[in-house]
C-alpha atoms as a PDB file:
ATOM      1  CA  UNK A   1      -4.441  -7.012  17.412  1.00  0.00           C
ATOM      2  CA  UNK A   2      -1.790  -8.109  14.766  1.00  0.00           C
ATOM      3  CA  UNK A   3      -4.188  -7.287  11.944  1.00  0.00           C
ATOM      4  CA  UNK A   4      -4.683  -3.763  13.320  1.00  0.00           C
ATOM      5  CA  UNK A   5      -0.878  -3.186  13.475  1.00  0.00           C
ATOM      6  CA  UNK A   6      -0.405  -4.598  10.003  1.00  0.00           C
ATOM      7  CA  UNK A   7      -3.123  -2.267   8.712  1.00  0.00           C
ATOM      8  CA  UNK A   8      -1.652   0.662  10.497  1.00  0.00           C
ATOM      9  CA  UNK A   9       1.810  -0.079   8.784  1.00  0.00           C
ATOM     10  CA  UNK A  10       0.121  -0.425   5.352  1.00  0.00           C
ATOM     11  CA  UNK A  11      -1.618   3.003   5.792  1.00  0.00           C
ATOM     12  CA  UNK A  12       1.602   4.555   6.636  1.00  0.00           C
ATOM     13  CA  UNK A  13       3.368   3.309   3.735  1.00  0.00           C
ATOM     14  CA  UNK A  14       0.224   3.989   1.467  1.00  0.00           C
ATOM     15  CA  UNK A  15       0.289   7.745   2.502  1.00  0.00           C
ATOM     16  CA  UNK A  16       3.902   7.862   1.744  1.00  0.00           C
ATOM     17  CA  UNK A  17       3.573   6.315  -1.661  1.00  0.00           C
ATOM     18  CA  UNK A  18       0.577   8.632  -2.300  1.00  0.00           C
ATOM     19  CA  UNK A  19       2.538  11.752  -1.496  1.00  0.00           C
ATOM     20  CA  UNK A  20       5.721  10.659  -3.372  1.00  0.00           C
ATOM     21  CA  UNK A  21       3.476   9.743  -6.617  1.00  0.00           C
ATOM     22  CA  UNK A  22       1.804  13.025  -6.483  1.00  0.00           C
ATOM     23  CA  UNK A  23       4.862  15.092  -6.200  1.00  0.00           C
ATOM     24  CA  UNK A  24       6.632  13.208  -8.687  1.00  0.00           C
ATOM     25  CA  UNK A  25       3.467  12.836 -11.132  1.00  0.00           C
ATOM     26  CA  UNK A  26       3.878   9.051 -11.189  1.00  0.00           C
ATOM     27  CA  UNK A  27       0.779   7.078 -11.719  1.00  0.00           C
ATOM     28  CA  UNK A  28       1.858   3.660 -10.177  1.00  0.00           C
ATOM     29  CA  UNK A  29       3.071   5.000  -6.816  1.00  0.00           C
ATOM     30  CA  UNK A  30      -0.292   7.105  -6.506  1.00  0.00           C
ATOM     31  CA  UNK A  31      -2.298   4.077  -7.133  1.00  0.00           C
ATOM     32  CA  UNK A  32      -0.392   1.730  -4.965  1.00  0.00           C
ATOM     33  CA  UNK A  33      -0.783   4.219  -2.164  1.00  0.00           C
ATOM     34  CA  UNK A  34      -4.412   4.549  -2.299  1.00  0.00           C
ATOM     35  CA  UNK A  35      -4.797   0.753  -2.384  1.00  0.00           C
ATOM     36  CA  UNK A  36      -2.292   0.257   0.546  1.00  0.00           C
ATOM     37  CA  UNK A  37      -4.554   2.713   2.505  1.00  0.00           C
ATOM     38  CA  UNK A  38      -7.881   1.062   1.534  1.00  0.00           C
ATOM     39  CA  UNK A  39      -7.322  -2.715   1.475  1.00  0.00           C
ATOM     40  CA  UNK A  40      -6.811  -3.302   5.233  1.00  0.00           C
ATOM     41  CA  UNK A  41     -10.445  -2.566   5.630  1.00  0.00           C
ATOM     42  CA  UNK A  42     -11.530  -5.411   3.551  1.00  0.00           C
ATOM     43  CA  UNK A  43      -9.087  -8.133   4.410  1.00  0.00           C
ATOM     44  CA  UNK A  44      -9.427 -10.050   7.791  1.00  0.00           C
ATOM     45  CA  UNK A  45      -6.587 -12.542   7.547  1.00  0.00           C
ATOM     46  CA  UNK A  46      -3.114 -11.452   8.781  1.00  0.00           C
ATOM     47  CA  UNK A  47      -1.494 -13.736   6.028  1.00  0.00           C
ATOM     48  CA  UNK A  48      -3.305 -12.025   3.241  1.00  0.00           C
ATOM     49  CA  UNK A  49      -2.755  -8.658   4.780  1.00  0.00           C
ATOM     50  CA  UNK A  50       0.974  -9.325   4.637  1.00  0.00           C
ATOM     51  CA  UNK A  51       0.977 -10.848   1.136  1.00  0.00           C
ATOM     52  CA  UNK A  52      -1.138  -8.048  -0.545  1.00  0.00           C
ATOM     53  CA  UNK A  53       0.731  -5.385   1.169  1.00  0.00           C
ATOM     54  CA  UNK A  54       3.997  -6.844   0.095  1.00  0.00           C
ATOM     55  CA  UNK A  55       2.741  -6.995  -3.425  1.00  0.00           C
ATOM     56  CA  UNK A  56       1.537  -3.361  -3.246  1.00  0.00           C
ATOM     57  CA  UNK A  57       4.932  -2.230  -1.975  1.00  0.00           C
ATOM     58  CA  UNK A  58       6.879  -3.719  -4.771  1.00  0.00           C
ATOM     59  CA  UNK A  59       4.595  -2.719  -7.709  1.00  0.00           C
ATOM     60  CA  UNK A  60       5.927   0.941  -8.066  1.00  0.00           C
ATOM     61  CA  UNK A  61       9.444  -0.485  -8.534  1.00  0.00           C
ATOM     62  CA  UNK A  62       8.679  -2.918 -11.080  1.00  0.00           C
ATOM     63  CA  UNK A  63       6.481  -0.698 -13.247  1.00  0.00           C
ATOM     64  CA  UNK A  64       7.655   2.161 -15.233  1.00  0.00           C
ATOM     65  CA  UNK A  65       4.396   4.146 -15.097  1.00  0.00           C
END
C-alpha cells in the first residue's frame, strides 16, 4: 500500500515538472517529470522509490538545462 501511495505522489510531481518544463522550454524538468511518472512501475522497494524520487525531484534545481 505504501508503494502505491509513493508512486502516486511521484506521478503527481512528475506531471507538474513535465508541464512546467514544457511551458518554460526547459529540458531538465521535462526529462525529470517523465522519469518521475515512469519509474514507479519498475521499482518495488519503498526505500528505493523514495531515494530515486528524491533525486529526480532535486535534479532540475541543480542543473542549468
